[in-house]
Amino acid sequence: MAKGTKNKKVKRSFALLNFAGALFCFSMLLYLTSALFLRSYNNSLSTRAQEISQEIAMLELQNDAVNVEIAQLSSADRIYEIAANNGLTRNSGNVISITNGENGD
């Protein structure tokens, strides 16, 4: 009987060792798969971030060009020229200047 119990213990420890080895192999496979997935996902995010940065730079350049055009179109000289072409004149008597009163009021 002692021989039979010893044989059962060896079989159980061998089965436990096989299970532990299989579990280890499975976990390593999962680790490698997730590492590869995360690396490819990180690369795609980096690529997308670079594309967005380039798009932002292009839009900022367009915004600057539009701001320059707005400044040119809204200049006082241009407004006076358009008014003069339509027969309008500037009446200096109608111009009121408001200043900040720094006289201690």
PDB file of N, CA and C in Angstrom:
ATOM      1  N   MET A   1       0.801  -1.190   0.000  1.00  0.00           N
ATOM      2  CA  MET A   1       0.000   0.000   0.000  1.00  0.00           C
ATOM      3  C   MET A   1       0.847   1.259   0.000  1.00  0.00           C
ATOM      4  N   ALA A   2       1.940   1.192   0.613  1.00  0.00           N
ATOM      5  CA  ALA A   2       2.804   2.360   0.650  1.00  0.00           C
ATOM      6  C   ALA A   2       3.273   2.709  -0.750  1.00  0.00           C
ATOM      7  N   LYS A   3       3.466   1.675  -1.534  1.00  0.00           N
ATOM      8  CA  LYS A   3       3.912   1.899  -2.898  1.00  0.00           C
ATOM      9  C   LYS A   3       2.802   2.567  -3.727  1.00  0.00           C
ATOM     10  N   GLY A   4       1.563   2.212  -3.519  1.00  0.00           N
ATOM     11  CA  GLY A   4       0.422   2.778  -4.245  1.00  0.00           C
ATOM     12  C   GLY A   4       0.188   4.238  -3.875  1.00  0.00           C
ATOM     13  N   THR A   5       0.342   4.586  -2.617  1.00  0.00           N
ATOM     14  CA  THR A   5       0.152   5.975  -2.192  1.00  0.00           C
ATOM     15  C   THR A   5       1.259   6.859  -2.744  1.00  0.00           C
ATOM     16  N   LYS A   6       2.456   6.314  -2.755  1.00  0.00           N
ATOM     17  CA  LYS A   6       3.578   7.089  -3.292  1.00  0.00           C
ATOM     18  C   LYS A   6       3.374   7.340  -4.788  1.00  0.00           C
ATOM     19  N   ASN A   7       2.890   6.359  -5.493  1.00  0.00           N
ATOM     20  CA  ASN A   7       2.639   6.464  -6.925  1.00  0.00           C
ATOM     21  C   ASN A   7       1.542   7.501  -7.206  1.00  0.00           C
ATOM     22  N   LYS A   8       0.492   7.548  -6.360  1.00  0.00           N
ATOM     23  CA  LYS A   8      -0.581   8.532  -6.527  1.00  0.00           C
ATOM     24  C   LYS A   8      -0.051   9.948  -6.286  1.00  0.00           C
ATOM     25  N   LYS A   9       0.820  10.096  -5.304  1.00  0.00           N
ATOM     26  CA  LYS A   9       1.381  11.420  -5.012  1.00  0.00           C
ATOM     27  C   LYS A   9       2.236  11.900  -6.178  1.00  0.00           C
ATOM     28  N   VAL A  10       2.996  11.025  -6.762  1.00  0.00           N
ATOM     29  CA  VAL A  10       3.839  11.390  -7.904  1.00  0.00           C
ATOM     30  C   VAL A  10       2.962  11.787  -9.084  1.00  0.00           C
ATOM     31  N   LYS A  11       1.877  11.006  -9.319  1.00  0.00           N
ATOM     32  CA  LYS A  11       0.974  11.324 -10.423  1.00  0.00           C
ATOM     33  C   LYS A  11       0.304  12.683 -10.207  1.00  0.00           C
ATOM     34  N   ARG A  12      -0.097  12.955  -8.952  1.00  0.00           N
ATOM     35  CA  ARG A  12      -0.749  14.238  -8.652  1.00  0.00           C
ATOM     36  C   ARG A  12       0.232  15.389  -8.825  1.00  0.00           C
ATOM     37  N   SER A  13       1.439  15.225  -8.339  1.00  0.00           N
ATOM     38  CA  SER A  13       2.412  16.316  -8.469  1.00  0.00           C
ATOM     39  C   SER A  13       2.791  16.514  -9.936  1.00  0.00           C
ATOM     40  N   PHE A  14       2.852  15.416 -10.706  1.00  0.00           N
ATOM     41  CA  PHE A  14       3.144  15.521 -12.131  1.00  0.00           C
ATOM     42  C   PHE A  14       1.991  16.228 -12.865  1.00  0.00           C
ATOM     43  N   ALA A  15       0.762  15.920 -12.490  1.00  0.00           N
ATOM     44  CA  ALA A  15      -0.410  16.564 -13.096  1.00  0.00           C
ATOM     45  C   ALA A  15      -0.440  18.047 -12.730  1.00  0.00           C
ATOM     46  N   LEU A  16      -0.099  18.367 -11.479  1.00  0.00           N
ATOM     47  CA  LEU A  16      -0.061  19.752 -11.032  1.00  0.00           C
ATOM     48  C   LEU A  16       1.034  20.516 -11.776  1.00  0.00           C
ATOM     49  N   LEU A  17       2.163  19.875 -11.978  1.00  0.00           N
ATOM     50  CA  LEU A  17       3.264  20.491 -12.713  1.00  0.00           C
ATOM     51  C   LEU A  17       2.868  20.723 -14.171  1.00  0.00           C
ATOM     52  N   ASN A  18       2.182  19.786 -14.775  1.00  0.00           N
ATOM     53  CA  ASN A  18       1.698  19.952 -16.148  1.00  0.00           C
ATOM     54  C   ASN A  18       0.700  21.104 -16.248  1.00  0.00           C
ATOM     55  N   PHE A  19      -0.197  21.179 -15.276  1.00  0.00           N
ATOM     56  CA  PHE A  19      -1.186  22.258 -15.260  1.00  0.00           C
ATOM     57  C   PHE A  19      -0.491  23.607 -15.105  1.00  0.00           C
ATOM     58  N   ALA A  20       0.477  23.694 -14.198  1.00  0.00           N
ATOM     59  CA  ALA A  20       1.209  24.945 -13.985  1.00  0.00           C
ATOM     60  C   ALA A  20       1.974  25.334 -15.250  1.00  0.00           C
ATOM     61  N   GLY A  21       2.587  24.365 -15.910  1.00  0.00           N
ATOM     62  CA  GLY A  21       3.314  24.650 -17.151  1.00  0.00           C
ATOM     63  C   GLY A  21       2.377  25.132 -18.248  1.00  0.00           C
ATOM     64  N   ALA A  22       1.239  24.498 -18.374  1.00  0.00           N
ATOM     65  CA  ALA A  22       0.260  24.903 -19.386  1.00  0.00           C
ATOM     66  C   ALA A  22      -0.275  26.304 -19.095  1.00  0.00           C
ATOM     67  N   LEU A  23      -0.529  26.575 -17.820  1.00  0.00           N
ATOM     68  CA  LEU A  23      -1.008  27.900 -17.417  1.00  0.00           C
ATOM     69  C   LEU A  23       0.054  28.960 -17.705  1.00  0.00           C
ATOM     70  N   PHE A  24       1.296  28.641 -17.434  1.00  0.00           N
ATOM     71  CA  PHE A  24       2.388  29.571 -17.717  1.00  0.00           C
ATOM     72  C   PHE A  24       2.495  29.839 -19.216  1.00  0.00           C
ATOM     73  N   CYS A  25       2.446  28.805 -20.035  1.00  0.00           N
ATOM     74  CA  CYS A  25       2.518  28.974 -21.492  1.00  0.00           C
ATOM     75  C   CYS A  25       1.344  29.805 -22.003  1.00  0.00           C
ATOM     76  N   PHE A  26       0.160  29.544 -21.492  1.00  0.00           N
ATOM     77  CA  PHE A  26      -1.020  30.303 -21.898  1.00  0.00           C
ATOM     78  C   PHE A  26      -0.879  31.776 -21.511  1.00  0.00           C
ATOM     79  N   SER A  27      -0.391  32.047 -20.297  1.00  0.00           N
ATOM     80  CA  SER A  27      -0.233  33.435 -19.862  1.00  0.00           C
ATOM     81  C   SER A  27       0.850  34.143 -20.676  1.00  0.00           C
ATOM     82  N   MET A  28       1.915  33.451 -21.048  1.00  0.00           N
ATOM     83  CA  MET A  28       2.944  34.058 -21.891  1.00  0.00           C
ATOM     84  C   MET A  28       2.392  34.379 -23.277  1.00  0.00           C
ATOM     85  N   LEU A  29       1.573  33.497 -23.810  1.00  0.00           N
ATOM     86  CA  LEU A  29       0.950  33.740 -25.097  1.00  0.00           C
ATOM     87  C   LEU A  29       0.041  34.971 -25.036  1.00  0.00           C
ATOM     88  N   LEU A  30      -0.736  35.078 -23.974  1.00  0.00           N
ATOM     89  CA  LEU A  30      -1.591  36.256 -23.793  1.00  0.00           C
ATOM     90  C   LEU A  30      -0.758  37.528 -23.647  1.00  0.00           C
ATOM     91  N   TYR A  31       0.318  37.452 -22.908  1.00  0.00           N
ATOM     92  CA  TYR A  31       1.193  38.614 -22.708  1.00  0.00           C
ATOM     93  C   TYR A  31       1.779  39.081 -24.041  1.00  0.00           C
ATOM     94  N   LEU A  32       2.310  38.157 -24.830  1.00  0.00           N
ATOM     95  CA  LEU A  32       2.899  38.522 -26.114  1.00  0.00           C
ATOM     96  C   LEU A  32       1.860  39.112 -27.065  1.00  0.00           C
ATOM     97  N   THR A  33       0.677  38.508 -27.082  1.00  0.00           N
ATOM     98  CA  THR A  33      -0.400  39.004 -27.941  1.00  0.00           C
ATOM     99  C   THR A  33      -0.804  40.423 -27.539  1.00  0.00           C
ATOM    100  N   SER A  34      -0.983  40.641 -26.247  1.00  0.00           N
ATOM    101  CA  SER A  34      -1.385  41.980 -25.800  1.00  0.00           C
ATOM    102  C   SER A  34      -0.268  42.986 -26.023  1.00  0.00           C
ATOM    103  N   ALA A  35       0.993  42.590 -25.850  1.00  0.00           N
ATOM    104  CA  ALA A  35       2.104  43.508 -26.084  1.00  0.00           C
ATOM    105  C   ALA A  35       2.162  43.921 -27.550  1.00  0.00           C
ATOM    106  N   LEU A  36       1.976  42.978 -28.459  1.00  0.00           N
ATOM    107  CA  LEU A  36       1.980  43.308 -29.884  1.00  0.00           C
ATOM    108  C   LEU A  36       0.804  44.205 -30.257  1.00  0.00           C
ATOM    109  N   PHE A  37      -0.356  43.910 -29.709  1.00  0.00           N
ATOM    110  CA  PHE A  37      -1.534  44.726 -29.984  1.00  0.00           C
ATOM    111  C   PHE A  37      -1.331  46.147 -29.479  1.00  0.00           C
ATOM    112  N   LEU A  38      -0.828  46.286 -28.255  1.00  0.00           N
ATOM    113  CA  LEU A  38      -0.635  47.619 -27.685  1.00  0.00           C
ATOM    114  C   LEU A  38       0.429  48.403 -28.449  1.00  0.00           C
ATOM    115  N   ARG A  39       1.466  47.735 -28.913  1.00  0.00           N
ATOM    116  CA  ARG A  39       2.495  48.431 -29.680  1.00  0.00           C
ATOM    117  C   ARG A  39       1.926  48.934 -31.001  1.00  0.00           C
ATOM    118  N   SER A  40       1.161  48.120 -31.688  1.00  0.00           N
ATOM    119  CA  SER A  40       0.591  48.567 -32.963  1.00  0.00           C
ATOM    120  C   SER A  40      -0.447  49.671 -32.733  1.00  0.00           C
ATOM    121  N   TYR A  41      -1.207  49.574 -31.663  1.00  0.00           N
ATOM    122  CA  TYR A  41      -2.193  50.608 -31.350  1.00  0.00           C
ATOM    123  C   TYR A  41      -1.486  51.919 -31.004  1.00  0.00           C
ATOM    124  N   ASN A  42      -0.395  51.847 -30.267  1.00  0.00           N
ATOM    125  CA  ASN A  42       0.372  53.038 -29.919  1.00  0.00           C
ATOM    126  C   ASN A  42       0.958  53.681 -31.173  1.00  0.00           C
ATOM    127  N   ASN A  43       1.440  52.871 -32.102  1.00  0.00           N
ATOM    128  CA  ASN A  43       1.966  53.411 -33.352  1.00  0.00           C
ATOM    129  C   ASN A  43       0.879  54.111 -34.155  1.00  0.00           C
ATOM    130  N   SER A  44      -0.303  53.531 -34.201  1.00  0.00           N
ATOM    131  CA  SER A  44      -1.392  54.167 -34.945  1.00  0.00           C
ATOM    132  C   SER A  44      -1.821  55.477 -34.279  1.00  0.00           C
ATOM    133  N   LEU A  45      -1.802  55.512 -32.951  1.00  0.00           N
ATOM    134  CA  LEU A  45      -2.135  56.761 -32.251  1.00  0.00           C
ATOM    135  C   LEU A  45      -1.083  57.831 -32.510  1.00  0.00           C
ATOM    136  N   SER A  46       0.172  57.450 -32.541  1.00  0.00           N
ATOM    137  CA  SER A  46       1.243  58.412 -32.821  1.00  0.00           C
ATOM    138  C   SER A  46       1.104  58.975 -34.231  1.00  0.00           C
ATOM    139  N   THR A  47       0.794  58.110 -35.172  1.00  0.00           N
ATOM    140  CA  THR A  47       0.607  58.554 -36.548  1.00  0.00           C
ATOM    141  C   THR A  47      -0.561  59.531 -36.637  1.00  0.00           C
ATOM    142  N   ARG A  48      -1.639  59.204 -35.980  1.00  0.00           N
ATOM    143  CA  ARG A  48      -2.825  60.077 -35.991  1.00  0.00           C
ATOM    144  C   ARG A  48      -2.520  61.416 -35.322  1.00  0.00           C
ATOM    145  N   ALA A  49      -1.742  61.401 -34.245  1.00  0.00           N
ATOM    146  CA  ALA A  49      -1.366  62.646 -33.565  1.00  0.00           C
ATOM    147  C   ALA A  49      -0.522  63.528 -34.482  1.00  0.00           C
ATOM    148  N   GLN A  50       0.377  62.941 -35.245  1.00  0.00           N
ATOM    149  CA  GLN A  50       1.187  63.709 -36.184  1.00  0.00           C
ATOM    150  C   GLN A  50       0.319  64.293 -37.292  1.00  0.00           C
ATOM    151  N   GLU A  51      -0.631  63.521 -37.779  1.00  0.00           N
ATOM    152  CA  GLU A  51      -1.538  64.032 -38.818  1.00  0.00           C
ATOM    153  C   GLU A  51      -2.347  65.208 -38.299  1.00  0.00           C
ATOM    154  N   ILE A  52      -2.826  65.095 -37.074  1.00  0.00           N
ATOM    155  CA  ILE A  52      -3.623  66.176 -36.486  1.00  0.00           C
ATOM    156  C   ILE A  52      -2.758  67.414 -36.264  1.00  0.00           C
ATOM    157  N   SER A  53      -1.511  67.224 -35.842  1.00  0.00           N
ATOM    158  CA  SER A  53      -0.608  68.363 -35.657  1.00  0.00           C
ATOM    159  C   SER A  53      -0.353  69.082 -36.973  1.00  0.00           C
ATOM    160  N   GLN A  54      -0.178  68.328 -38.039  1.00  0.00           N
ATOM    161  CA  GLN A  54       0.019  68.942 -39.357  1.00  0.00           C
ATOM    162  C   GLN A  54      -1.230  69.693 -39.799  1.00  0.00           C
ATOM    163  N   GLU A  55      -2.379  69.119 -39.531  1.00  0.00           N
ATOM    164  CA  GLU A  55      -3.638  69.781 -39.898  1.00  0.00           C
ATOM    165  C   GLU A  55      -3.818  71.072 -39.100  1.00  0.00           C
ATOM    166  N   ILE A  56      -3.461  71.042 -37.827  1.00  0.00           N
ATOM    167  CA  ILE A  56      -3.555  72.245 -36.990  1.00  0.00           C
ATOM    168  C   ILE A  56      -2.636  73.329 -37.525  1.00  0.00           C
ATOM    169  N   ALA A  57      -1.403  72.961 -37.888  1.00  0.00           N
ATOM    170  CA  ALA A  57      -0.459  73.944 -38.418  1.00  0.00           C
ATOM    171  C   ALA A  57      -0.984  74.562 -39.711  1.00  0.00           C
ATOM    172  N   MET A  58      -1.578  73.730 -40.578  1.00  0.00           N
ATOM    173  CA  MET A  58      -2.119  74.231 -41.829  1.00  0.00           C
ATOM    174  C   MET A  58      -3.292  75.188 -41.563  1.00  0.00           C
ATOM    175  N   LEU A  59      -4.167  74.841 -40.628  1.00  0.00           N
ATOM    176  CA  LEU A  59      -5.316  75.705 -40.320  1.00  0.00           C
ATOM    177  C   LEU A  59      -4.873  77.011 -39.670  1.00  0.00           C
ATOM    178  N   GLU A  60      -3.826  76.959 -38.838  1.00  0.00           N
ATOM    179  CA  GLU A  60      -3.310  78.189 -38.235  1.00  0.00           C
ATOM    180  C   GLU A  60      -2.750  79.115 -39.312  1.00  0.00           C
ATOM    181  N   LEU A  61      -2.082  78.540 -40.299  1.00  0.00           N
ATOM    182  CA  LEU A  61      -1.558  79.332 -41.404  1.00  0.00           C
ATOM    183  C   LEU A  61      -2.705  79.974 -42.193  1.00  0.00           C
ATOM    184  N   GLN A  62      -3.757  79.209 -42.443  1.00  0.00           N
ATOM    185  CA  GLN A  62      -4.921  79.760 -43.147  1.00  0.00           C
ATOM    186  C   GLN A  62      -5.588  80.852 -42.318  1.00  0.00           C
ATOM    187  N   ASN A  63      -5.680  80.654 -40.996  1.00  0.00           N
ATOM    188  CA  ASN A  63      -6.277  81.669 -40.126  1.00  0.00           C
ATOM    189  C   ASN A  63      -5.471  82.966 -40.159  1.00  0.00           C
ATOM    190  N   ASP A  64      -4.139  82.842 -40.154  1.00  0.00           N
ATOM    191  CA  ASP A  64      -3.305  84.035 -40.231  1.00  0.00           C
ATOM    192  C   ASP A  64      -3.532  84.779 -41.540  1.00  0.00           C
ATOM    193  N   ALA A  65      -3.644  84.040 -42.642  1.00  0.00           N
ATOM    194  CA  ALA A  65      -3.891  84.665 -43.939  1.00  0.00           C
ATOM    195  C   ALA A  65      -5.248  85.371 -43.957  1.00  0.00           C
ATOM    196  N   VAL A  66      -6.251  84.746 -43.368  1.00  0.00           N
ATOM    197  CA  VAL A  66      -7.578  85.358 -43.310  1.00  0.00           C
ATOM    198  C   VAL A  66      -7.560  86.600 -42.424  1.00  0.00           C
ATOM    199  N   ASN A  67      -6.832  86.560 -41.311  1.00  0.00           N
ATOM    200  CA  ASN A  67      -6.741  87.734 -40.432  1.00  0.00           C
ATOM    201  C   ASN A  67      -6.065  88.906 -41.138  1.00  0.00           C
ATOM    202  N   VAL A  68      -5.047  88.614 -41.945  1.00  0.00           N
ATOM    203  CA  VAL A  68      -4.394  89.677 -42.722  1.00  0.00           C
ATOM    204  C   VAL A  68      -5.377  90.267 -43.729  1.00  0.00           C
ATOM    205  N   GLU A  69      -6.137  89.403 -44.375  1.00  0.00           N
ATOM    206  CA  GLU A  69      -7.126  89.886 -45.347  1.00  0.00           C
ATOM    207  C   GLU A  69      -8.206  90.719 -44.668  1.00  0.00           C
ATOM    208  N   ILE A  70      -8.642  90.306 -43.488  1.00  0.00           N
ATOM    209  CA  ILE A  70      -9.642  91.078 -42.738  1.00  0.00           C
ATOM    210  C   ILE A  70      -9.091  92.443 -42.370  1.00  0.00           C
ATOM    211  N   ALA A  71      -7.839  92.478 -41.926  1.00  0.00           N
ATOM    212  CA  ALA A  71      -7.220  93.749 -41.554  1.00  0.00           C
ATOM    213  C   ALA A  71      -7.129  94.679 -42.764  1.00  0.00           C
ATOM    214  N   GLN A  72      -6.805  94.134 -43.930  1.00  0.00           N
ATOM    215  CA  GLN A  72      -6.727  94.960 -45.136  1.00  0.00           C
ATOM    216  C   GLN A  72      -8.104  95.472 -45.536  1.00  0.00           C
ATOM    217  N   LEU A  73      -9.104  94.598 -45.454  1.00  0.00           N
ATOM    218  CA  LEU A  73     -10.447  95.012 -45.885  1.00  0.00           C
ATOM    219  C   LEU A  73     -11.096  95.985 -44.911  1.00  0.00           C
ATOM    220  N   SER A  74     -10.726  95.961 -43.655  1.00  0.00           N
ATOM    221  CA  SER A  74     -11.365  96.842 -42.675  1.00  0.00           C
ATOM    222  C   SER A  74     -10.525  98.074 -42.338  1.00  0.00           C
ATOM    223  N   SER A  75      -9.501  98.363 -43.122  1.00  0.00           N
ATOM    224  CA  SER A  75      -8.675  99.546 -42.850  1.00  0.00           C
ATOM    225  C   SER A  75      -9.484 100.812 -43.131  1.00  0.00           C
ATOM    226  N   ALA A  76      -9.170 101.855 -42.387  1.00  0.00           N
ATOM    227  CA  ALA A  76      -9.900 103.121 -42.521  1.00  0.00           C
ATOM    228  C   ALA A  76      -9.678 103.736 -43.898  1.00  0.00           C
ATOM    229  N   ASP A  77      -8.481 103.623 -44.442  1.00  0.00           N
ATOM    230  CA  ASP A  77      -8.209 104.184 -45.769  1.00  0.00           C
ATOM    231  C   ASP A  77      -9.097 103.556 -46.833  1.00  0.00           C
ATOM    232  N   ARG A  78      -9.296 102.264 -46.751  1.00  0.00           N
ATOM    233  CA  ARG A  78     -10.147 101.575 -47.732  1.00  0.00           C
ATOM    234  C   ARG A  78     -11.591 102.051 -47.597  1.00  0.00           C
ATOM    235  N   ILE A  79     -12.055 102.209 -46.366  1.00  0.00           N
ATOM    236  CA  ILE A  79     -13.433 102.671 -46.137  1.00  0.00           C
ATOM    237  C   ILE A  79     -13.619 104.080 -46.684  1.00  0.00           C
ATOM    238  N   TYR A  80     -12.620 104.964 -46.444  1.00  0.00           N
ATOM    239  CA  TYR A  80     -12.719 106.336 -46.950  1.00  0.00           C
ATOM    240  C   TYR A  80     -12.685 106.358 -48.481  1.00  0.00           C
ATOM    241  N   GLU A  81     -11.896 105.469 -49.077  1.00  0.00           N
ATOM    242  CA  GLU A  81     -11.827 105.401 -50.538  1.00  0.00           C
ATOM    243  C   GLU A  81     -13.161 104.958 -51.139  1.00  0.00           C
ATOM    244  N   ILE A  82     -13.781 103.940 -50.529  1.00  0.00           N
ATOM    245  CA  ILE A  82     -15.088 103.468 -51.014  1.00  0.00           C
ATOM    246  C   ILE A  82     -16.133 104.566 -50.850  1.00  0.00           C
ATOM    247  N   ALA A  83     -16.079 105.272 -49.718  1.00  0.00           N
ATOM    248  CA  ALA A  83     -17.027 106.364 -49.486  1.00  0.00           C
ATOM    249  C   ALA A  83     -16.828 107.473 -50.519  1.00  0.00           C
ATOM    250  N   ALA A  84     -15.573 107.817 -50.814  1.00  0.00           N
ATOM    251  CA  ALA A  84     -15.294 108.878 -51.792  1.00  0.00           C
ATOM    252  C   ALA A  84     -15.760 108.455 -53.178  1.00  0.00           C
ATOM    253  N   ASN A  85     -15.602 107.201 -53.537  1.00  0.00           N
ATOM    254  CA  ASN A  85     -16.060 106.715 -54.847  1.00  0.00           C
ATOM    255  C   ASN A  85     -17.574 106.777 -54.976  1.00  0.00           C
ATOM    256  N   ASN A  86     -18.283 106.732 -53.857  1.00  0.00           N
ATOM    257  CA  ASN A  86     -19.748 106.806 -53.884  1.00  0.00           C
ATOM    258  C   ASN A  86     -20.252 108.218 -53.605  1.00  0.00           C
ATOM    259  N   GLY A  87     -19.347 109.195 -53.614  1.00  0.00           N
ATOM    260  CA  GLY A  87     -19.758 110.592 -53.466  1.00  0.00           C
ATOM    261  C   GLY A  87     -19.952 111.024 -52.021  1.00  0.00           C
ATOM    262  N   LEU A  88     -19.463 110.304 -51.066  1.00  0.00           N
ATOM    263  CA  LEU A  88     -19.604 110.679 -49.662  1.00  0.00           C
ATOM    264  C   LEU A  88     -18.332 111.395 -49.203  1.00  0.00           C
ATOM    265  N   THR A  89     -18.506 112.346 -48.286  1.00  0.00           N
ATOM    266  CA  THR A  89     -17.356 113.059 -47.731  1.00  0.00           C
ATOM    267  C   THR A  89     -17.350 112.924 -46.219  1.00  0.00           C
ATOM    268  N   ARG A  90     -16.211 113.202 -45.657  1.00  0.00           N
ATOM    269  CA  ARG A  90     -16.058 113.105 -44.195  1.00  0.00           C
ATOM    270  C   ARG A  90     -16.324 114.468 -43.588  1.00  0.00           C
ATOM    271  N   ASN A  91     -17.226 114.505 -42.622  1.00  0.00           N
ATOM    272  CA  ASN A  91     -17.554 115.730 -41.928  1.00  0.00           C
ATOM    273  C   ASN A  91     -16.875 115.678 -40.565  1.00  0.00           C
ATOM    274  N   SER A  92     -15.816 116.442 -40.388  1.00  0.00           N
ATOM    275  CA  SER A  92     -15.047 116.407 -39.149  1.00  0.00           C
ATOM    276  C   SER A  92     -15.837 116.947 -37.964  1.00  0.00           C
ATOM    277  N   GLY A  93     -16.874 117.715 -38.219  1.00  0.00           N
ATOM    278  CA  GLY A  93     -17.684 118.268 -37.130  1.00  0.00           C
ATOM    279  C   GLY A  93     -18.515 117.197 -36.438  1.00  0.00           C
ATOM    280  N   ASN A  94     -18.734 116.061 -37.075  1.00  0.00           N
ATOM    281  CA  ASN A  94     -19.538 114.995 -36.494  1.00  0.00           C
ATOM    282  C   ASN A  94     -18.701 113.960 -35.739  1.00  0.00           C
ATOM    283  N   VAL A  95     -17.396 114.171 -35.703  1.00  0.00           N
ATOM    284  CA  VAL A  95     -16.522 113.215 -35.050  1.00  0.00           C
ATOM    285  C   VAL A  95     -16.351 113.611 -33.593  1.00  0.00           C
ATOM    286  N   ILE A  96     -16.615 112.679 -32.693  1.00  0.00           N
ATOM    287  CA  ILE A  96     -16.481 112.921 -31.255  1.00  0.00           C
ATOM    288  C   ILE A  96     -15.407 112.002 -30.719  1.00  0.00           C
ATOM    289  N   SER A  97     -14.467 112.543 -29.962  1.00  0.00           N
ATOM    290  CA  SER A  97     -13.403 111.737 -29.350  1.00  0.00           C
ATOM    291  C   SER A  97     -13.682 111.634 -27.857  1.00  0.00           C
ATOM    292  N   ILE A  98     -13.629 110.435 -27.347  1.00  0.00           N
ATOM    293  CA  ILE A  98     -13.840 110.208 -25.921  1.00  0.00           C
ATOM    294  C   ILE A  98     -12.518 109.772 -25.337  1.00  0.00           C
ATOM    295  N   THR A  99     -12.094 110.487 -24.302  1.00  0.00           N
ATOM    296  CA  THR A  99     -10.825 110.162 -23.641  1.00  0.00           C
ATOM    297  C   THR A  99     -11.078 109.823 -22.202  1.00  0.00           C
ATOM    298  N   ASN A 100     -10.112 109.146 -21.592  1.00  0.00           N
ATOM    299  CA  ASN A 100     -10.213 108.756 -20.188  1.00  0.00           C
ATOM    300  C   ASN A 100      -9.852 109.963 -19.337  1.00  0.00           C
ATOM    301  N   GLY A 101     -10.771 110.395 -18.506  1.00  0.00           N
ATOM    302  CA  GLY A 101     -10.536 111.570 -17.661  1.00  0.00           C
ATOM    303  C   GLY A 101      -9.684 111.208 -16.449  1.00  0.00           C
ATOM    304  N   GLU A 102      -8.444 111.620 -16.450  1.00  0.00           N
ATOM    305  CA  GLU A 102      -7.493 111.331 -15.367  1.00  0.00           C
ATOM    306  C   GLU A 102      -7.336 112.564 -14.476  1.00  0.00           C
ATOM    307  N   ASN A 103      -8.393 113.309 -14.218  1.00  0.00           N
ATOM    308  CA  ASN A 103      -8.277 114.544 -13.457  1.00  0.00           C
ATOM    309  C   ASN A 103      -8.682 114.353 -11.991  1.00  0.00           C
ATOM    310  N   GLY A 104      -8.770 113.136 -11.518  1.00  0.00           N
ATOM    311  CA  GLY A 104      -9.035 112.872 -10.105  1.00  0.00           C
ATOM    312  C   GLY A 104     -10.495 112.886  -9.739  1.00  0.00           C
ATOM    313  N   ASP A 105     -11.411 112.717 -10.661  1.00  0.00           N
ATOM    314  CA  ASP A 105     -12.855 112.720 -10.361  1.00  0.00           C
ATOM    315  C   ASP A 105     -13.228 111.537  -9.580  1.00  0.00           C
TER     316      ASP A 105
END
